[in-house]
C-alpha atoms as a PDB file:
ATOM      1  CA  MET A   1     -40.070 -22.158  40.725  1.00  0.00           C
ATOM      2  CA  LYS A   2     -37.445 -20.159  41.761  1.00  0.00           C
ATOM      3  CA  SER A   3     -34.672 -21.465  44.008  1.00  0.00           C
ATOM      4  CA  ILE A   4     -32.314 -19.962  46.774  1.00  0.00           C
ATOM      5  CA  PHE A   5     -29.368 -21.475  48.571  1.00  0.00           C
ATOM      6  CA  ILE A   6     -28.575 -19.988  51.916  1.00  0.00           C
ATOM      7  CA  THR A   7     -25.568 -20.605  54.299  1.00  0.00           C
ATOM      8  CA  GLY A   8     -25.932 -19.902  58.031  1.00  0.00           C
ATOM      9  CA  ALA A   9     -29.769 -20.692  57.875  1.00  0.00           C
ATOM     10  CA  GLY A  10     -30.053 -22.510  60.954  1.00  0.00           C
ATOM     11  CA  SER A  11     -30.693 -19.378  62.993  1.00  0.00           C
ATOM     12  CA  GLY A  12     -30.935 -15.562  62.621  1.00  0.00           C
ATOM     13  CA  MET A  13     -30.882 -13.761  59.518  1.00  0.00           C
ATOM     14  CA  GLY A  14     -30.660 -16.912  57.488  1.00  0.00           C
ATOM     15  CA  ARG A  15     -33.364 -18.680  58.994  1.00  0.00           C
ATOM     16  CA  GLU A  16     -35.745 -15.510  58.656  1.00  0.00           C
ATOM     17  CA  GLY A  17     -34.613 -15.556  54.986  1.00  0.00           C
ATOM     18  CA  ALA A  18     -35.402 -19.229  54.421  1.00  0.00           C
ATOM     19  CA  LYS A  19     -38.940 -18.711  56.033  1.00  0.00           C
ATOM     20  CA  LEU A  20     -39.612 -15.343  53.975  1.00  0.00           C
ATOM     21  CA  PHE A  21     -38.509 -16.722  50.520  1.00  0.00           C
ATOM     22  CA  HIS A  22     -40.230 -20.122  51.206  1.00  0.00           C
ATOM     23  CA  ALA A  23     -43.516 -18.299  52.136  1.00  0.00           C
ATOM     24  CA  ASN A  24     -43.243 -16.741  48.672  1.00  0.00           C
ATOM     25  CA  GLY A  25     -43.232 -19.911  47.065  1.00  0.00           C
ATOM     26  CA  TRP A  26     -39.411 -20.643  46.491  1.00  0.00           C
ATOM     27  CA  ARG A  27     -37.535 -23.689  46.622  1.00  0.00           C
ATOM     28  CA  VAL A  28     -34.929 -23.243  49.541  1.00  0.00           C
ATOM     29  CA  ALA A  29     -31.546 -25.016  50.388  1.00  0.00           C
ATOM     30  CA  ALA A  30     -30.830 -24.046  54.143  1.00  0.00           C
ATOM     31  CA  VAL A  31     -27.414 -25.342  55.044  1.00  0.00           C
ATOM     32  CA  ASP A  32     -25.662 -24.651  58.418  1.00  0.00           C
ATOM     33  CA  ARG A  33     -23.280 -26.397  60.913  1.00  0.00           C
ATOM     34  CA  ASN A  34     -26.191 -26.256  63.458  1.00  0.00           C
ATOM     35  CA  GLY A  35     -28.063 -29.431  62.633  1.00  0.00           C
ATOM     36  CA  ASP A  36     -30.584 -28.666  65.509  1.00  0.00           C
ATOM     37  CA  GLY A  37     -31.287 -25.324  64.073  1.00  0.00           C
ATOM     38  CA  LEU A  38     -32.080 -26.777  60.635  1.00  0.00           C
ATOM     39  CA  ALA A  39     -34.111 -29.563  62.099  1.00  0.00           C
ATOM     40  CA  GLU A  40     -36.339 -26.814  63.888  1.00  0.00           C
ATOM     41  CA  LEU A  41     -36.593 -25.074  60.722  1.00  0.00           C
ATOM     42  CA  ALA A  42     -37.698 -28.429  58.823  1.00  0.00           C
ATOM     43  CA  GLU A  43     -40.369 -29.000  61.538  1.00  0.00           C
ATOM     44  CA  GLU A  44     -41.615 -25.559  61.523  1.00  0.00           C
ATOM     45  CA  LEU A  45     -42.094 -25.359  57.616  1.00  0.00           C
ATOM     46  CA  ALA A  46     -42.736 -28.954  57.064  1.00  0.00           C
ATOM     47  CA  SER A  47     -42.451 -28.560  53.242  1.00  0.00           C
ATOM     48  CA  GLN A  48     -41.016 -30.381  50.367  1.00  0.00           C
ATOM     49  CA  ARG A  49     -39.844 -27.069  49.024  1.00  0.00           C
ATOM     50  CA  LEU A  50     -37.416 -27.012  52.053  1.00  0.00           C
ATOM     51  CA  TRP A  51     -34.189 -28.762  51.398  1.00  0.00           C
ATOM     52  CA  THR A  52     -31.652 -28.822  54.455  1.00  0.00           C
ATOM     53  CA  ARG A  53     -28.167 -30.072  54.948  1.00  0.00           C
ATOM     54  CA  THR A  54     -25.641 -29.830  57.875  1.00  0.00           C
ATOM     55  CA  VAL A  55     -22.530 -28.269  56.539  1.00  0.00           C
ATOM     56  CA  ASP A  56     -19.532 -26.564  57.441  1.00  0.00           C
ATOM     57  CA  VAL A  57     -19.084 -23.885  55.020  1.00  0.00           C
ATOM     58  CA  THR A  58     -15.100 -23.865  55.469  1.00  0.00           C
ATOM     59  CA  ASP A  59     -15.381 -27.367  54.093  1.00  0.00           C
ATOM     60  CA  LYS A  60     -15.377 -26.736  50.395  1.00  0.00           C
ATOM     61  CA  PRO A  61     -16.022 -30.255  49.287  1.00  0.00           C
ATOM     62  CA  ALA A  62     -19.045 -30.337  51.431  1.00  0.00           C
ATOM     63  CA  LEU A  63     -20.371 -27.115  50.197  1.00  0.00           C
ATOM     64  CA  ASP A  64     -19.784 -27.770  46.724  1.00  0.00           C
ATOM     65  CA  ALA A  65     -21.696 -31.035  47.110  1.00  0.00           C
ATOM     66  CA  ALA A  66     -24.507 -29.583  48.571  1.00  0.00           C
ATOM     67  CA  LEU A  67     -24.791 -26.924  45.982  1.00  0.00           C
ATOM     68  CA  ALA A  68     -24.644 -29.816  43.313  1.00  0.00           C
ATOM     69  CA  ASP A  69     -27.192 -31.898  44.911  1.00  0.00           C
ATOM     70  CA  PHE A  70     -29.759 -29.148  45.443  1.00  0.00           C
ATOM     71  CA  CYS A  71     -29.022 -27.433  42.046  1.00  0.00           C
ATOM     72  CA  GLY A  72     -28.122 -30.118  39.759  1.00  0.00           C
ATOM     73  CA  GLU A  73     -31.650 -31.706  39.614  1.00  0.00           C
ATOM     74  CA  HIS A  74     -33.106 -28.285  38.591  1.00  0.00           C
ATOM     75  CA  ASP A  75     -30.299 -27.119  36.575  1.00  0.00           C
ATOM     76  CA  GLY A  76     -29.890 -23.865  38.095  1.00  0.00           C
ATOM     77  CA  LEU A  77     -30.073 -21.424  41.017  1.00  0.00           C
ATOM     78  CA  ASP A  78     -31.894 -18.087  41.105  1.00  0.00           C
ATOM     79  CA  MET A  79     -30.154 -16.733  44.253  1.00  0.00           C
ATOM     80  CA  MET A  80     -27.109 -17.697  46.399  1.00  0.00           C
ATOM     81  CA  TRP A  81     -26.885 -16.063  49.812  1.00  0.00           C
ATOM     82  CA  ASN A  82     -23.556 -16.255  51.433  1.00  0.00           C
ATOM     83  CA  ASN A  83     -24.775 -15.567  54.966  1.00  0.00           C
ATOM     84  CA  ALA A  84     -22.874 -17.667  57.410  1.00  0.00           C
ATOM     85  CA  GLY A  85     -20.758 -15.616  59.756  1.00  0.00           C
ATOM     86  CA  ILE A  86     -19.187 -15.640  63.293  1.00  0.00           C
ATOM     87  CA  GLY A  87     -17.416 -13.179  65.377  1.00  0.00           C
ATOM     88  CA  GLU A  88     -14.399 -12.929  68.020  1.00  0.00           C
ATOM     89  CA  SER A  89     -14.255  -9.750  70.236  1.00  0.00           C
ATOM     90  CA  GLY A  90     -11.347  -8.007  71.985  1.00  0.00           C
ATOM     91  CA  TRP A  91      -8.267  -6.001  71.402  1.00  0.00           C
ATOM     92  CA  PHE A  92      -6.654  -7.474  68.321  1.00  0.00           C
ATOM     93  CA  GLU A  93      -3.583  -8.710  70.312  1.00  0.00           C
ATOM     94  CA  ASP A  94      -5.987 -10.358  72.763  1.00  0.00           C
ATOM     95  CA  VAL A  95      -7.702 -12.475  70.150  1.00  0.00           C
ATOM     96  CA  PRO A  96      -6.004 -15.889  69.731  1.00  0.00           C
ATOM     97  CA  TYR A  97      -4.686 -16.114  66.354  1.00  0.00           C
ATOM     98  CA  GLU A  98      -6.463 -19.480  65.569  1.00  0.00           C
ATOM     99  CA  ALA A  99      -9.737 -17.702  66.488  1.00  0.00           C
ATOM    100  CA  ALA A 100      -9.017 -14.989  64.070  1.00  0.00           C
ATOM    101  CA  MET A 101      -8.251 -16.942  61.319  1.00  0.00           C
ATOM    102  CA  ARG A 102     -11.632 -19.094  61.849  1.00  0.00           C
ATOM    103  CA  VAL A 103     -13.274 -15.739  61.422  1.00  0.00           C
ATOM    104  CA  VAL A 104     -11.462 -15.179  58.334  1.00  0.00           C
ATOM    105  CA  ASP A 105     -12.310 -18.719  56.948  1.00  0.00           C
ATOM    106  CA  VAL A 106     -16.014 -18.601  57.642  1.00  0.00           C
ATOM    107  CA  ASN A 107     -16.742 -14.902  57.072  1.00  0.00           C
ATOM    108  CA  PHE A 108     -14.580 -14.383  53.897  1.00  0.00           C
ATOM    109  CA  LYS A 109     -13.171 -17.587  52.426  1.00  0.00           C
ATOM    110  CA  ALA A 110     -16.317 -19.436  52.685  1.00  0.00           C
ATOM    111  CA  VAL A 111     -17.846 -16.570  50.647  1.00  0.00           C
ATOM    112  CA  LEU A 112     -15.264 -17.137  47.862  1.00  0.00           C
ATOM    113  CA  THR A 113     -16.148 -20.908  48.097  1.00  0.00           C
ATOM    114  CA  GLY A 114     -19.920 -19.980  47.672  1.00  0.00           C
ATOM    115  CA  ALA A 115     -19.190 -17.867  44.892  1.00  0.00           C
ATOM    116  CA  TYR A 116     -17.012 -20.215  42.779  1.00  0.00           C
ATOM    117  CA  GLY A 117     -19.397 -22.971  43.678  1.00  0.00           C
ATOM    118  CA  ALA A 118     -22.732 -21.248  42.914  1.00  0.00           C
ATOM    119  CA  LEU A 119     -21.733 -19.551  39.666  1.00  0.00           C
ATOM    120  CA  PRO A 120     -22.200 -22.309  37.302  1.00  0.00           C
ATOM    121  CA  TYR A 121     -25.771 -22.631  38.551  1.00  0.00           C
ATOM    122  CA  LEU A 122     -26.404 -19.020  38.699  1.00  0.00           C
ATOM    123  CA  LYS A 123     -25.371 -18.595  34.992  1.00  0.00           C
ATOM    124  CA  LYS A 124     -28.276 -21.065  34.094  1.00  0.00           C
ATOM    125  CA  ALA A 125     -30.932 -18.867  35.721  1.00  0.00           C
ATOM    126  CA  PRO A 126     -31.921 -15.416  34.125  1.00  0.00           C
ATOM    127  CA  GLY A 127     -31.328 -12.287  36.331  1.00  0.00           C
ATOM    128  CA  SER A 128     -29.877 -14.393  39.033  1.00  0.00           C
ATOM    129  CA  LEU A 129     -28.404 -12.991  42.213  1.00  0.00           C
ATOM    130  CA  MET A 130     -25.363 -13.774  44.319  1.00  0.00           C
ATOM    131  CA  PHE A 131     -26.044 -11.977  47.744  1.00  0.00           C
ATOM    132  CA  SER A 132     -23.579 -11.877  50.674  1.00  0.00           C
ATOM    133  CA  THR A 133     -23.711 -10.557  54.403  1.00  0.00           C
ATOM    134  CA  SER A 134     -21.397  -7.692  55.082  1.00  0.00           C
ATOM    135  CA  SER A 135     -21.880  -5.521  58.244  1.00  0.00           C
ATOM    136  CA  SER A 136     -21.946  -2.178  59.302  1.00  0.00           C
ATOM    137  CA  ALA A 137     -18.554  -2.929  60.281  1.00  0.00           C
ATOM    138  CA  GLY A 138     -17.561  -2.945  56.621  1.00  0.00           C
ATOM    139  CA  THR A 139     -18.498   0.791  56.278  1.00  0.00           C
ATOM    140  CA  TYR A 140     -15.372   1.612  58.797  1.00  0.00           C
ATOM    141  CA  GLY A 141     -13.183  -0.692  60.764  1.00  0.00           C
ATOM    142  CA  MET A 142     -14.668  -1.356  64.109  1.00  0.00           C
ATOM    143  CA  PRO A 143     -12.214  -1.448  67.347  1.00  0.00           C
ATOM    144  CA  ARG A 144     -12.354  -4.965  69.232  1.00  0.00           C
ATOM    145  CA  LEU A 145     -13.787  -6.252  65.961  1.00  0.00           C
ATOM    146  CA  ALA A 146     -10.734  -5.718  63.705  1.00  0.00           C
ATOM    147  CA  VAL A 147     -10.486  -9.053  61.896  1.00  0.00           C
ATOM    148  CA  TYR A 148     -14.402  -9.262  61.701  1.00  0.00           C
ATOM    149  CA  SER A 149     -14.244  -5.885  60.356  1.00  0.00           C
ATOM    150  CA  ALA A 150     -11.922  -6.540  57.762  1.00  0.00           C
ATOM    151  CA  THR A 151     -13.720  -9.668  56.502  1.00  0.00           C
ATOM    152  CA  LYS A 152     -16.697  -7.580  56.116  1.00  0.00           C
ATOM    153  CA  HIS A 153     -14.730  -4.972  54.127  1.00  0.00           C
ATOM    154  CA  ALA A 154     -13.522  -7.787  52.043  1.00  0.00           C
ATOM    155  CA  ILE A 155     -17.078  -8.997  51.292  1.00  0.00           C
ATOM    156  CA  LYS A 156     -17.917  -5.401  50.311  1.00  0.00           C
ATOM    157  CA  GLY A 157     -14.959  -4.990  47.800  1.00  0.00           C
ATOM    158  CA  LEU A 158     -15.551  -8.550  46.302  1.00  0.00           C
ATOM    159  CA  THR A 159     -19.119  -7.537  45.921  1.00  0.00           C
ATOM    160  CA  GLU A 160     -18.159  -4.477  43.987  1.00  0.00           C
ATOM    161  CA  ALA A 161     -15.786  -6.203  41.881  1.00  0.00           C
ATOM    162  CA  LEU A 162     -17.995  -9.139  40.823  1.00  0.00           C
ATOM    163  CA  SER A 163     -20.792  -7.013  40.150  1.00  0.00           C
ATOM    164  CA  VAL A 164     -18.861  -5.679  37.286  1.00  0.00           C
ATOM    165  CA  GLU A 165     -17.220  -8.891  36.256  1.00  0.00           C
ATOM    166  CA  TRP A 166     -20.463 -11.108  36.231  1.00  0.00           C
ATOM    167  CA  ARG A 167     -22.251  -9.067  34.112  1.00  0.00           C
ATOM    168  CA  ARG A 168     -20.707 -11.096  31.402  1.00  0.00           C
ATOM    169  CA  HIS A 169     -22.812 -14.046  32.652  1.00  0.00           C
ATOM    170  CA  ASP A 170     -25.987 -12.044  33.430  1.00  0.00           C
ATOM    171  CA  VAL A 171     -25.562 -12.698  36.951  1.00  0.00           C
ATOM    172  CA  ARG A 172     -26.086  -9.833  39.612  1.00  0.00           C
ATOM    173  CA  VAL A 173     -24.193  -9.264  42.724  1.00  0.00           C
ATOM    174  CA  ALA A 174     -25.167  -7.449  45.866  1.00  0.00           C
ATOM    175  CA  ASP A 175     -24.673  -7.431  49.488  1.00  0.00           C
ATOM    176  CA  VAL A 176     -26.225  -6.405  52.967  1.00  0.00           C
ATOM    177  CA  LEU A 177     -24.663  -4.096  55.753  1.00  0.00           C
ATOM    178  CA  PRO A 178     -26.880  -5.041  58.708  1.00  0.00           C
ATOM    179  CA  GLY A 179     -26.064  -2.896  62.030  1.00  0.00           C
ATOM    180  CA  MET A 180     -27.278  -4.198  65.562  1.00  0.00           C
ATOM    181  CA  ILE A 181     -29.269  -7.032  64.741  1.00  0.00           C
ATOM    182  CA  ASP A 182     -30.905  -9.433  67.349  1.00  0.00           C
ATOM    183  CA  THR A 183     -29.121 -12.687  66.695  1.00  0.00           C
ATOM    184  CA  ALA A 184     -27.001 -14.972  68.150  1.00  0.00           C
ATOM    185  CA  ILE A 185     -23.746 -13.397  66.926  1.00  0.00           C
ATOM    186  CA  LEU A 186     -24.854 -10.073  68.998  1.00  0.00           C
ATOM    187  CA  THR A 187     -24.880 -12.047  72.247  1.00  0.00           C
ATOM    188  CA  ASN A 188     -22.534 -14.929  71.771  1.00  0.00           C
ATOM    189  CA  THR A 189     -19.565 -13.716  70.180  1.00  0.00           C
ATOM    190  CA  PRO A 190     -16.447 -14.690  72.469  1.00  0.00           C
ATOM    191  CA  GLU A 191     -14.938 -11.699  74.255  1.00  0.00           C
ATOM    192  CA  HIS A 192     -11.270 -12.154  74.653  1.00  0.00           C
ATOM    193  CA  SER A 193     -10.355  -8.914  76.509  1.00  0.00           C
ATOM    194  CA  GLN A 194     -11.422  -7.984  80.247  1.00  0.00           C
ATOM    195  CA  SER A 195     -13.466  -5.046  80.444  1.00  0.00           C
ATOM    196  CA  GLY A 196     -16.722  -3.896  81.800  1.00  0.00           C
ATOM    197  CA  THR A 197     -18.746  -5.394  78.816  1.00  0.00           C
ATOM    198  CA  SER A 198     -17.472  -8.947  79.222  1.00  0.00           C
ATOM    199  CA  THR A 199     -19.839  -9.873  82.044  1.00  0.00           C
ATOM    200  CA  ARG A 200     -22.959  -8.472  80.363  1.00  0.00           C
ATOM    201  CA  THR A 201     -25.826 -11.036  79.649  1.00  0.00           C
ATOM    202  CA  ALA A 202     -27.901 -11.098  76.499  1.00  0.00           C
ATOM    203  CA  GLU A 203     -30.615  -9.607  78.142  1.00  0.00           C
ATOM    204  CA  ASP A 204     -28.118  -6.708  79.412  1.00  0.00           C
ATOM    205  CA  ILE A 205     -26.987  -6.450  75.813  1.00  0.00           C
ATOM    206  CA  ARG A 206     -30.447  -5.956  74.429  1.00  0.00           C
ATOM    207  CA  ALA A 207     -31.677  -3.530  77.274  1.00  0.00           C
ATOM    208  CA  ALA A 208     -28.818  -1.599  76.698  1.00  0.00           C
ATOM    209  CA  ALA A 209     -28.932  -1.232  72.679  1.00  0.00           C
ATOM    210  CA  PRO A 210     -29.909   1.996  71.291  1.00  0.00           C
ATOM    211  CA  LYS A 211     -33.720   2.513  70.823  1.00  0.00           C
ATOM    212  CA  ARG A 212     -33.249   4.918  67.913  1.00  0.00           C
ATOM    213  CA  GLY A 213     -30.655   5.795  65.485  1.00  0.00           C
ATOM    214  CA  MET A 214     -28.619   3.658  62.996  1.00  0.00           C
ATOM    215  CA  MET A 215     -27.292   1.389  65.550  1.00  0.00           C
ATOM    216  CA  ARG A 216     -30.828   0.657  67.132  1.00  0.00           C
ATOM    217  CA  LEU A 217     -31.386  -3.112  67.615  1.00  0.00           C
ATOM    218  CA  MET A 218     -33.387  -4.376  64.895  1.00  0.00           C
ATOM    219  CA  PRO A 219     -34.836  -7.957  64.272  1.00  0.00           C
ATOM    220  CA  ALA A 220     -33.304 -10.620  61.935  1.00  0.00           C
ATOM    221  CA  SER A 221     -36.297 -10.408  59.789  1.00  0.00           C
ATOM    222  CA  SER A 222     -35.340  -7.063  58.787  1.00  0.00           C
ATOM    223  CA  VAL A 223     -32.510  -8.199  56.807  1.00  0.00           C
ATOM    224  CA  ALA A 224     -34.386 -11.155  55.380  1.00  0.00           C
ATOM    225  CA  GLU A 225     -36.552  -8.288  54.025  1.00  0.00           C
ATOM    226  CA  ALA A 226     -33.518  -6.568  52.457  1.00  0.00           C
ATOM    227  CA  ALA A 227     -32.496  -9.803  50.844  1.00  0.00           C
ATOM    228  CA  TRP A 228     -35.923 -10.192  49.139  1.00  0.00           C
ATOM    229  CA  GLN A 229     -35.875  -6.538  48.158  1.00  0.00           C
ATOM    230  CA  ALA A 230     -32.424  -7.056  46.578  1.00  0.00           C
ATOM    231  CA  TYR A 231     -33.488 -10.004  44.371  1.00  0.00           C
ATOM    232  CA  HIS A 232     -36.428  -7.702  42.904  1.00  0.00           C
ATOM    233  CA  HIS A 233     -34.344  -4.627  42.584  1.00  0.00           C
ATOM    234  CA  PRO A 234     -31.732  -5.212  40.205  1.00  0.00           C
ATOM    235  CA  THR A 235     -29.588  -1.980  40.130  1.00  0.00           C
ATOM    236  CA  ARG A 236     -28.871  -1.472  43.886  1.00  0.00           C
ATOM    237  CA  LEU A 237     -25.518  -2.658  45.089  1.00  0.00           C
ATOM    238  CA  HIS A 238     -25.284  -2.139  48.897  1.00  0.00           C
ATOM    239  CA  TRP A 239     -28.267  -2.639  51.243  1.00  0.00           C
ATOM    240  CA  TYR A 240     -28.027  -0.860  54.394  1.00  0.00           C
ATOM    241  CA  VAL A 241     -30.183  -2.251  57.495  1.00  0.00           C
ATOM    242  CA  PRO A 242     -31.104   0.240  58.727  1.00  0.00           C
ATOM    243  CA  LYS A 243     -30.890   2.477  55.676  1.00  0.00           C
ATOM    244  CA  SER A 244     -29.224   5.407  57.735  1.00  0.00           C
ATOM    245  CA  ILE A 245     -26.045   3.237  57.940  1.00  0.00           C
ATOM    246  CA  ARG A 246     -25.383   4.282  54.367  1.00  0.00           C
ATOM    247  CA  LEU A 247     -24.261   7.896  56.061  1.00  0.00           C
ATOM    248  CA  VAL A 248     -21.283   6.251  57.630  1.00  0.00           C
ATOM    249  CA  ASP A 249     -20.021   5.120  54.195  1.00  0.00           C
ATOM    250  CA  ARG A 250     -20.792   8.812  52.955  1.00  0.00           C
ATOM    251  CA  ILE A 251     -18.740  10.346  55.529  1.00  0.00           C
ATOM    252  CA  LYS A 252     -15.871   8.155  55.459  1.00  0.00           C
ATOM    253  CA  GLY A 253     -15.600   8.624  51.776  1.00  0.00           C
ATOM    254  CA  ILE A 254     -15.348  12.396  52.462  1.00  0.00           C
ATOM    255  CA  SER A 255     -12.974  12.042  55.428  1.00  0.00           C
ATOM    256  CA  PRO A 256     -12.034   8.641  57.026  1.00  0.00           C
ATOM    257  CA  GLU A 257     -10.130  10.773  59.830  1.00  0.00           C
ATOM    258  CA  MET A 258     -13.181  12.416  60.941  1.00  0.00           C
ATOM    259  CA  VAL A 259     -14.795   8.910  61.319  1.00  0.00           C
ATOM    260  CA  ARG A 260     -11.836   7.484  63.070  1.00  0.00           C
ATOM    261  CA  ASP A 261     -11.711  10.453  65.807  1.00  0.00           C
ATOM    262  CA  ARG A 262     -15.280   9.987  66.521  1.00  0.00           C
ATOM    263  CA  ILE A 263     -15.022   6.505  67.411  1.00  0.00           C
ATOM    264  CA  VAL A 264     -11.899   7.408  69.418  1.00  0.00           C
ATOM    265  CA  LYS A 265     -13.824   9.937  71.291  1.00  0.00           C
ATOM    266  CA  SER A 266     -16.661   7.416  71.895  1.00  0.00           C
ATOM    267  CA  LEU A 267     -14.466   4.487  73.409  1.00  0.00           C
ATOM    268  CA  PRO A 268     -14.197   5.945  77.067  1.00  0.00           C
ATOM    269  CA  ALA A 269     -17.916   5.680  77.240  1.00  0.00           C
ATOM    270  CA  LEU A 270     -18.511   2.347  75.746  1.00  0.00           C
ATOM    271  CA  LEU A 271     -15.414   0.867  77.851  1.00  0.00           C
ATOM    272  CA  PRO A 272     -15.480   2.449  81.395  1.00  0.00           C
ATOM    273  CA  ASP A 273     -12.940   0.170  82.704  1.00  0.00           C
ATOM    274  CA  GLU A 274     -10.392   0.736  79.947  1.00  0.00           C
ATOM    275  CA  GLY A 275      -8.418   3.404  78.134  1.00  0.00           C
ATOM    276  CA  LEU A 276      -6.589   4.063  74.966  1.00  0.00           C
ATOM    277  CA  GLY A 277      -3.251   4.142  76.972  1.00  0.00           C
END
């Protein structure tokens, strides 16, 4: 029986991933600092193939222990999904340093921790995969999400490097770059700069989301499906949700200045109460 370990599985993309892999007969480890979310997931699935534990991914001993407890008895791991992530929004100088460092700790350092901790178990499962959640913000740095974007670029770079290195171990590495996904991070990300967007409710954000195009609002299940496809398609490195987000990477490769200038032009429309000074 195949097994997957998912961080940030108490809600959103991780939760949908846990449900999808479980529905396909996998053993699933779901960890999150949100114990209530994990309890709801356990109640919904009511299965011995679901293993849950409340873990803060920034706590290396706790994450290492969870991996050891889940993988040790079965002596291997088919897929590690580093999915946990948080955001802090606002102009760079308005985001408190401590908040920015928390984003780095959760979004990138915890991925490194997951990679170090999972590798010994991935090496024991033929054709295993380490999968991580990057973002469309990992294609080009997004204003008002500078540190978040930086962490997602870091995941993308790590994925590319380890996809070469870990061939020595017969371990595959890939990531997913989602666009606008209907999850808690979309509606609950703290806003540190005063603007016309700062008082919008979750309903306002969903209503204002594009209905078409690469930044249309998509369900969390679409990312879970990408994770499922990634395991079964061993050659693809980056998975874009939707696929059209790949276009940003292509354009940036030709002219990052072009992408920058298009974003600058869009800011007045996105932020009617603020300008670029």
